[in-house]
N, C-alpha and C. Protein backbone atom coordinates (compact mmCIF):
# COMPACT_ATOMS: atom_id res chain seq x y z
N UNK A 1 -84.65 -74.55 4.39
CA UNK A 1 -84.93 -75.86 4.92
C UNK A 1 -84.75 -75.79 6.43
N UNK A 2 -85.63 -76.48 7.13
CA UNK A 2 -85.59 -76.51 8.59
C UNK A 2 -85.44 -77.94 9.06
N UNK A 3 -84.56 -78.15 10.03
CA UNK A 3 -84.42 -79.44 10.71
C UNK A 3 -84.87 -79.21 12.15
N UNK A 4 -85.90 -79.94 12.58
CA UNK A 4 -86.40 -79.85 13.95
C UNK A 4 -86.02 -81.15 14.66
N UNK A 5 -85.07 -81.06 15.58
CA UNK A 5 -84.51 -82.25 16.24
C UNK A 5 -83.96 -81.82 17.59
N UNK A 6 -84.29 -82.55 18.66
CA UNK A 6 -83.82 -82.18 19.99
C UNK A 6 -82.52 -82.86 20.38
N UNK A 7 -82.16 -83.96 19.76
CA UNK A 7 -80.96 -84.70 20.10
C UNK A 7 -79.76 -84.09 19.38
N UNK A 8 -78.74 -83.70 20.15
CA UNK A 8 -77.57 -83.01 19.59
C UNK A 8 -76.84 -83.86 18.56
N UNK A 9 -76.67 -85.15 18.82
CA UNK A 9 -75.98 -86.03 17.87
C UNK A 9 -76.78 -86.11 16.56
N UNK A 10 -78.09 -86.30 16.67
CA UNK A 10 -78.92 -86.37 15.47
C UNK A 10 -78.94 -85.05 14.71
N UNK A 11 -78.88 -83.93 15.43
CA UNK A 11 -78.78 -82.61 14.78
C UNK A 11 -77.53 -82.55 13.91
N UNK A 12 -76.41 -82.96 14.48
CA UNK A 12 -75.14 -82.92 13.75
C UNK A 12 -75.17 -83.82 12.52
N UNK A 13 -75.74 -85.02 12.67
CA UNK A 13 -75.82 -85.95 11.54
C UNK A 13 -76.66 -85.34 10.42
N UNK A 14 -77.84 -84.84 10.76
CA UNK A 14 -78.73 -84.27 9.75
C UNK A 14 -78.10 -83.06 9.07
N UNK A 15 -77.52 -82.17 9.85
CA UNK A 15 -76.91 -80.97 9.27
C UNK A 15 -75.74 -81.34 8.36
N UNK A 16 -74.91 -82.27 8.78
CA UNK A 16 -73.76 -82.67 7.94
C UNK A 16 -74.21 -83.32 6.64
N UNK A 17 -75.25 -84.16 6.72
CA UNK A 17 -75.76 -84.78 5.49
C UNK A 17 -76.25 -83.71 4.51
N UNK A 18 -76.96 -82.74 5.02
CA UNK A 18 -77.48 -81.67 4.16
C UNK A 18 -76.36 -80.77 3.65
N UNK A 19 -75.38 -80.48 4.49
CA UNK A 19 -74.25 -79.65 4.05
C UNK A 19 -73.47 -80.32 2.92
N UNK A 20 -73.38 -81.65 2.93
CA UNK A 20 -72.72 -82.36 1.83
C UNK A 20 -73.45 -82.13 0.52
N UNK A 21 -74.74 -81.79 0.59
CA UNK A 21 -75.54 -81.48 -0.60
C UNK A 21 -75.53 -79.99 -0.91
N UNK A 22 -74.76 -79.23 -0.14
CA UNK A 22 -74.69 -77.79 -0.36
C UNK A 22 -75.84 -77.03 0.28
N UNK A 23 -76.51 -77.61 1.26
CA UNK A 23 -77.66 -76.98 1.92
C UNK A 23 -77.29 -76.67 3.36
N UNK A 24 -77.53 -75.42 3.78
CA UNK A 24 -77.31 -75.02 5.17
C UNK A 24 -78.67 -74.83 5.83
N UNK A 25 -79.15 -75.83 6.56
CA UNK A 25 -80.49 -75.74 7.14
C UNK A 25 -80.51 -74.89 8.40
N UNK A 26 -81.69 -74.36 8.72
CA UNK A 26 -81.94 -73.78 10.02
C UNK A 26 -82.22 -74.93 10.96
N UNK A 27 -82.03 -74.71 12.27
CA UNK A 27 -82.18 -75.78 13.24
C UNK A 27 -83.12 -75.33 14.36
N UNK A 28 -84.15 -76.12 14.62
CA UNK A 28 -85.04 -75.93 15.76
C UNK A 28 -84.79 -77.08 16.73
N UNK A 29 -84.75 -76.76 18.02
CA UNK A 29 -84.43 -77.80 19.01
C UNK A 29 -85.66 -78.44 19.65
N UNK A 30 -86.85 -77.98 19.30
CA UNK A 30 -88.08 -78.63 19.76
C UNK A 30 -89.23 -78.21 18.85
N UNK A 31 -90.38 -78.84 19.05
CA UNK A 31 -91.53 -78.57 18.20
C UNK A 31 -92.05 -77.15 18.28
N UNK A 32 -92.04 -76.57 19.48
CA UNK A 32 -92.50 -75.20 19.66
C UNK A 32 -91.64 -74.23 18.85
N UNK A 33 -90.32 -74.43 18.91
CA UNK A 33 -89.41 -73.58 18.15
C UNK A 33 -89.61 -73.78 16.64
N UNK A 34 -89.88 -75.00 16.21
CA UNK A 34 -90.13 -75.27 14.78
C UNK A 34 -91.36 -74.49 14.30
N UNK A 35 -92.42 -74.51 15.09
CA UNK A 35 -93.64 -73.78 14.73
C UNK A 35 -93.36 -72.28 14.67
N UNK A 36 -92.63 -71.76 15.65
CA UNK A 36 -92.30 -70.33 15.67
C UNK A 36 -91.46 -69.95 14.45
N UNK A 37 -90.47 -70.78 14.11
CA UNK A 37 -89.60 -70.49 12.96
C UNK A 37 -90.39 -70.55 11.66
N UNK A 38 -91.33 -71.50 11.56
CA UNK A 38 -92.16 -71.59 10.36
C UNK A 38 -92.98 -70.32 10.19
N UNK A 39 -93.40 -69.71 11.27
CA UNK A 39 -94.15 -68.46 11.19
C UNK A 39 -93.31 -67.29 10.68
N UNK A 40 -91.99 -67.42 10.73
CA UNK A 40 -91.10 -66.34 10.32
C UNK A 40 -90.47 -66.53 8.94
N UNK A 41 -90.29 -67.79 8.54
CA UNK A 41 -89.57 -68.10 7.30
C UNK A 41 -90.42 -69.04 6.43
N UNK A 42 -90.55 -68.76 5.15
CA UNK A 42 -91.33 -69.63 4.26
C UNK A 42 -90.52 -70.86 3.81
N UNK A 43 -90.38 -71.83 4.69
CA UNK A 43 -89.59 -73.03 4.37
C UNK A 43 -90.27 -73.86 3.28
N UNK A 44 -89.47 -74.48 2.43
CA UNK A 44 -89.95 -75.41 1.42
C UNK A 44 -90.00 -76.84 1.94
N UNK A 45 -89.15 -77.13 2.95
CA UNK A 45 -89.03 -78.48 3.47
C UNK A 45 -88.68 -78.43 4.95
N UNK A 46 -89.34 -79.28 5.73
CA UNK A 46 -89.03 -79.40 7.16
C UNK A 46 -88.80 -80.87 7.47
N UNK A 47 -87.64 -81.17 8.06
CA UNK A 47 -87.38 -82.50 8.61
C UNK A 47 -87.75 -82.40 10.08
N UNK A 48 -88.73 -83.20 10.53
CA UNK A 48 -89.30 -83.06 11.86
C UNK A 48 -89.16 -84.34 12.66
N UNK A 49 -88.41 -84.28 13.76
CA UNK A 49 -88.35 -85.40 14.69
C UNK A 49 -89.74 -85.58 15.30
N UNK A 50 -90.17 -86.80 15.45
CA UNK A 50 -91.52 -87.06 15.98
C UNK A 50 -91.61 -86.89 17.49
N UNK A 51 -90.53 -87.21 18.20
CA UNK A 51 -90.57 -87.17 19.66
C UNK A 51 -89.61 -86.11 20.18
N UNK A 52 -90.17 -84.96 20.52
CA UNK A 52 -89.39 -83.84 21.04
C UNK A 52 -90.09 -83.27 22.26
N UNK A 53 -89.34 -82.54 23.12
CA UNK A 53 -89.97 -81.89 24.26
C UNK A 53 -90.81 -80.68 23.82
N UNK A 54 -91.54 -80.13 24.75
CA UNK A 54 -92.43 -78.98 24.53
C UNK A 54 -93.63 -79.39 23.69
N UNK A 55 -93.44 -79.48 22.37
CA UNK A 55 -94.47 -79.95 21.44
C UNK A 55 -93.81 -81.04 20.59
N UNK A 56 -94.41 -82.23 20.51
CA UNK A 56 -93.80 -83.27 19.70
C UNK A 56 -93.98 -82.96 18.21
N UNK A 57 -93.32 -83.72 17.37
CA UNK A 57 -93.34 -83.47 15.93
C UNK A 57 -94.72 -83.59 15.31
N UNK A 58 -95.55 -84.49 15.84
CA UNK A 58 -96.91 -84.65 15.30
C UNK A 58 -97.74 -83.39 15.57
N UNK A 59 -97.70 -82.90 16.81
CA UNK A 59 -98.46 -81.70 17.16
C UNK A 59 -97.90 -80.48 16.43
N UNK A 60 -96.58 -80.41 16.29
CA UNK A 60 -95.98 -79.29 15.57
C UNK A 60 -96.41 -79.30 14.10
N UNK A 61 -96.45 -80.48 13.48
CA UNK A 61 -96.89 -80.59 12.09
C UNK A 61 -98.35 -80.17 11.94
N UNK A 62 -99.19 -80.59 12.90
CA UNK A 62 -100.60 -80.17 12.84
C UNK A 62 -100.74 -78.66 12.96
N UNK A 63 -99.95 -78.06 13.84
CA UNK A 63 -100.00 -76.60 14.00
C UNK A 63 -99.50 -75.88 12.74
N UNK A 64 -98.45 -76.40 12.13
CA UNK A 64 -97.95 -75.82 10.88
C UNK A 64 -99.01 -75.94 9.79
N UNK A 65 -99.67 -77.08 9.70
CA UNK A 65 -100.74 -77.25 8.71
C UNK A 65 -101.87 -76.24 8.96
N UNK A 66 -102.19 -75.99 10.23
CA UNK A 66 -103.23 -75.04 10.57
C UNK A 66 -102.83 -73.61 10.15
N UNK A 67 -101.53 -73.29 10.27
CA UNK A 67 -101.03 -71.96 9.95
C UNK A 67 -100.94 -71.70 8.44
N UNK A 68 -100.81 -72.77 7.66
CA UNK A 68 -100.65 -72.61 6.21
C UNK A 68 -101.91 -72.04 5.58
N UNK A 69 -101.71 -71.23 4.58
CA UNK A 69 -102.85 -70.75 3.81
C UNK A 69 -103.28 -71.78 2.79
N UNK A 70 -104.37 -71.51 2.06
CA UNK A 70 -104.87 -72.48 1.09
C UNK A 70 -103.94 -72.70 -0.11
N UNK A 71 -103.00 -71.79 -0.34
CA UNK A 71 -102.12 -71.89 -1.51
C UNK A 71 -100.69 -72.27 -1.14
N UNK A 72 -100.47 -72.69 0.10
CA UNK A 72 -99.13 -73.01 0.53
C UNK A 72 -99.15 -74.34 1.26
N UNK A 73 -98.22 -75.22 0.90
CA UNK A 73 -98.13 -76.53 1.54
C UNK A 73 -96.67 -76.93 1.65
N UNK A 74 -96.07 -76.75 2.82
CA UNK A 74 -94.68 -77.13 3.02
C UNK A 74 -94.60 -78.65 3.15
N UNK A 75 -93.54 -79.22 2.61
CA UNK A 75 -93.29 -80.66 2.78
C UNK A 75 -92.70 -80.87 4.17
N UNK A 76 -93.32 -81.77 4.93
CA UNK A 76 -92.83 -82.11 6.26
C UNK A 76 -92.46 -83.59 6.24
N UNK A 77 -91.20 -83.88 6.54
CA UNK A 77 -90.72 -85.26 6.55
C UNK A 77 -90.47 -85.65 8.00
N UNK A 78 -91.21 -86.66 8.47
CA UNK A 78 -91.07 -87.13 9.85
C UNK A 78 -89.81 -87.98 9.98
N UNK A 79 -89.08 -87.73 11.06
CA UNK A 79 -87.91 -88.55 11.38
C UNK A 79 -88.19 -89.21 12.72
N UNK A 80 -88.05 -90.53 12.76
CA UNK A 80 -88.32 -91.24 14.00
C UNK A 80 -87.54 -92.53 14.08
N UNK A 81 -87.28 -92.96 15.30
CA UNK A 81 -86.65 -94.25 15.53
C UNK A 81 -87.71 -95.31 15.82
N UNK A 82 -88.97 -94.89 15.88
CA UNK A 82 -90.08 -95.81 16.15
C UNK A 82 -90.28 -96.75 14.97
N UNK A 83 -90.80 -97.93 15.26
CA UNK A 83 -91.18 -98.84 14.19
C UNK A 83 -92.49 -98.35 13.60
N UNK A 84 -92.75 -98.68 12.35
CA UNK A 84 -93.95 -98.19 11.67
C UNK A 84 -95.24 -98.59 12.38
N UNK A 85 -95.28 -99.74 13.00
CA UNK A 85 -96.50 -100.18 13.68
C UNK A 85 -96.86 -99.25 14.84
N UNK A 86 -95.85 -98.52 15.37
CA UNK A 86 -96.10 -97.64 16.50
C UNK A 86 -96.49 -96.23 16.10
N UNK A 87 -96.53 -95.92 14.81
CA UNK A 87 -96.87 -94.57 14.37
C UNK A 87 -98.38 -94.37 14.37
N UNK A 88 -98.83 -93.14 14.62
CA UNK A 88 -100.27 -92.86 14.59
C UNK A 88 -100.86 -93.14 13.22
N UNK A 89 -102.14 -93.49 13.20
CA UNK A 89 -102.85 -93.77 11.95
C UNK A 89 -102.76 -92.57 11.01
N UNK A 90 -102.54 -92.84 9.74
CA UNK A 90 -102.47 -91.77 8.75
C UNK A 90 -101.09 -91.19 8.57
N UNK A 91 -100.11 -91.64 9.34
CA UNK A 91 -98.76 -91.09 9.23
C UNK A 91 -97.87 -91.96 8.37
N UNK A 92 -97.82 -93.27 8.60
CA UNK A 92 -96.91 -94.12 7.84
C UNK A 92 -97.28 -94.09 6.35
N UNK A 93 -96.29 -93.89 5.53
CA UNK A 93 -96.51 -93.81 4.09
C UNK A 93 -96.75 -92.39 3.63
N UNK A 94 -97.31 -91.55 4.45
CA UNK A 94 -97.46 -90.13 4.15
C UNK A 94 -98.18 -89.84 2.86
N UNK A 95 -99.03 -90.74 2.39
CA UNK A 95 -99.75 -90.48 1.16
C UNK A 95 -98.97 -90.85 -0.09
N UNK A 96 -97.77 -91.37 0.08
CA UNK A 96 -96.96 -91.74 -1.07
C UNK A 96 -97.06 -93.23 -1.39
N UNK A 97 -97.87 -93.94 -0.65
CA UNK A 97 -98.08 -95.34 -0.96
C UNK A 97 -97.11 -96.29 -0.29
N UNK A 98 -96.01 -95.77 0.22
CA UNK A 98 -95.08 -96.65 0.91
C UNK A 98 -94.23 -95.83 1.88
N UNK A 99 -93.92 -96.38 3.05
CA UNK A 99 -93.01 -95.71 3.97
C UNK A 99 -91.58 -95.89 3.49
N UNK A 100 -90.71 -94.99 3.88
CA UNK A 100 -89.30 -95.09 3.52
C UNK A 100 -88.52 -95.43 4.77
N UNK A 101 -87.70 -96.44 4.69
CA UNK A 101 -86.92 -96.87 5.84
C UNK A 101 -85.82 -95.89 6.19
N UNK A 102 -85.19 -95.30 5.20
CA UNK A 102 -84.02 -94.49 5.46
C UNK A 102 -83.91 -93.38 4.44
N UNK A 103 -83.62 -92.18 4.91
CA UNK A 103 -83.40 -91.05 4.01
C UNK A 103 -81.89 -90.97 3.79
N UNK A 104 -81.41 -91.44 2.67
CA UNK A 104 -79.97 -91.39 2.41
C UNK A 104 -79.65 -90.25 1.46
N UNK A 105 -78.37 -89.99 1.28
CA UNK A 105 -77.95 -88.84 0.51
C UNK A 105 -78.31 -88.95 -0.97
N UNK A 106 -78.51 -90.13 -1.49
CA UNK A 106 -78.81 -90.27 -2.90
C UNK A 106 -80.26 -90.60 -3.18
N UNK A 107 -81.08 -90.72 -2.15
CA UNK A 107 -82.45 -91.18 -2.37
C UNK A 107 -83.49 -90.19 -1.91
N UNK A 108 -84.68 -90.67 -1.69
CA UNK A 108 -85.79 -89.85 -1.26
C UNK A 108 -85.58 -89.49 0.19
N UNK A 109 -85.79 -88.30 0.64
CA UNK A 109 -86.28 -87.14 -0.08
C UNK A 109 -85.19 -86.17 -0.48
N UNK A 110 -83.92 -86.50 -0.21
CA UNK A 110 -82.86 -85.51 -0.38
C UNK A 110 -82.46 -85.25 -1.82
N UNK A 111 -82.76 -86.14 -2.76
CA UNK A 111 -82.32 -85.97 -4.13
C UNK A 111 -82.78 -84.65 -4.73
N UNK A 112 -84.00 -84.24 -4.49
CA UNK A 112 -84.53 -83.01 -5.07
C UNK A 112 -84.40 -81.80 -4.17
N UNK A 113 -83.69 -81.91 -3.08
CA UNK A 113 -83.64 -80.83 -2.11
C UNK A 113 -83.07 -79.54 -2.69
N UNK A 114 -82.12 -79.61 -3.61
CA UNK A 114 -81.52 -78.40 -4.16
C UNK A 114 -82.49 -77.63 -5.05
N UNK A 115 -83.57 -78.27 -5.51
CA UNK A 115 -84.53 -77.63 -6.39
C UNK A 115 -85.70 -77.01 -5.64
N UNK A 116 -85.64 -76.98 -4.32
CA UNK A 116 -86.80 -76.60 -3.53
C UNK A 116 -87.21 -75.14 -3.67
N UNK A 117 -86.34 -74.29 -4.14
CA UNK A 117 -86.69 -72.89 -4.28
C UNK A 117 -87.61 -72.60 -5.45
N UNK A 118 -87.78 -73.55 -6.37
CA UNK A 118 -88.60 -73.31 -7.55
C UNK A 118 -90.08 -73.41 -7.20
N UNK A 119 -90.93 -72.62 -7.88
CA UNK A 119 -92.36 -72.67 -7.59
C UNK A 119 -92.94 -74.04 -7.91
N UNK A 120 -93.95 -74.43 -7.16
CA UNK A 120 -94.60 -75.71 -7.39
C UNK A 120 -96.05 -75.60 -6.96
N UNK A 121 -96.91 -76.41 -7.52
CA UNK A 121 -98.32 -76.37 -7.11
C UNK A 121 -98.46 -76.88 -5.68
N UNK A 122 -99.54 -76.49 -5.05
CA UNK A 122 -99.81 -76.95 -3.68
C UNK A 122 -99.97 -78.46 -3.66
N UNK A 123 -99.46 -79.07 -2.62
CA UNK A 123 -99.55 -80.52 -2.46
C UNK A 123 -100.98 -80.90 -2.09
N UNK A 124 -101.38 -82.13 -2.38
CA UNK A 124 -102.72 -82.55 -1.97
C UNK A 124 -102.85 -82.51 -0.45
N UNK A 125 -104.04 -82.36 0.03
CA UNK A 125 -104.29 -82.25 1.46
C UNK A 125 -103.90 -83.55 2.16
N UNK A 126 -103.09 -83.44 3.20
CA UNK A 126 -102.70 -84.58 4.02
C UNK A 126 -103.06 -84.24 5.46
N UNK A 127 -103.42 -85.21 6.23
CA UNK A 127 -103.77 -84.93 7.62
C UNK A 127 -102.54 -84.94 8.52
N UNK A 128 -101.41 -85.39 8.04
CA UNK A 128 -100.24 -85.48 8.89
C UNK A 128 -98.98 -85.08 8.18
N UNK A 129 -98.02 -85.98 8.20
CA UNK A 129 -96.70 -85.68 7.69
C UNK A 129 -96.21 -86.83 6.82
N UNK A 130 -95.19 -86.59 6.00
CA UNK A 130 -94.53 -87.66 5.27
C UNK A 130 -93.66 -88.38 6.28
N UNK A 131 -93.60 -89.69 6.26
CA UNK A 131 -92.91 -90.43 7.30
C UNK A 131 -91.92 -91.43 6.75
N UNK A 132 -90.62 -91.05 6.66
CA UNK A 132 -89.63 -91.98 6.14
C UNK A 132 -89.07 -92.92 7.19
N UNK A 133 -89.46 -92.80 8.45
CA UNK A 133 -88.89 -93.61 9.53
C UNK A 133 -87.37 -93.60 9.43
N UNK A 134 -86.79 -92.43 9.55
CA UNK A 134 -85.38 -92.21 9.26
C UNK A 134 -84.44 -92.65 10.37
N UNK A 135 -84.91 -93.32 11.36
CA UNK A 135 -84.03 -93.85 12.39
C UNK A 135 -83.36 -92.74 13.18
N UNK A 136 -82.04 -92.80 13.28
CA UNK A 136 -81.31 -91.88 14.14
C UNK A 136 -81.02 -90.55 13.48
N UNK A 137 -81.49 -90.30 12.30
CA UNK A 137 -81.20 -89.04 11.64
C UNK A 137 -82.15 -87.99 12.11
């Protein structure tokens, strides 16, 4: 699992939440680093801050989608403090029919995080990322 976040406080919050679930994520401090790390490690899940230096989360997600082969589709969960009205078209809701206000330890998307190593079929084609509008996480 990869967490891409430039804010040190938000990095600590995200890492601690995942560690409570028994997950030790890798950490990228900007979008460019997230793309580079994705090229090296076959992540099952990426938590991606939308607004980062170098390459923002939207551009990083597009580059990761471009790098993926036809049989591989990593789940990318957008984290942002922006209101949903300010998100680019096609991002809010992420194809799941509804946006998520908060990613908490007992809810979506963290509940199934421990099962991510198991094989799964490729996800349907999405033009962007899943967007829970996770606030400060």
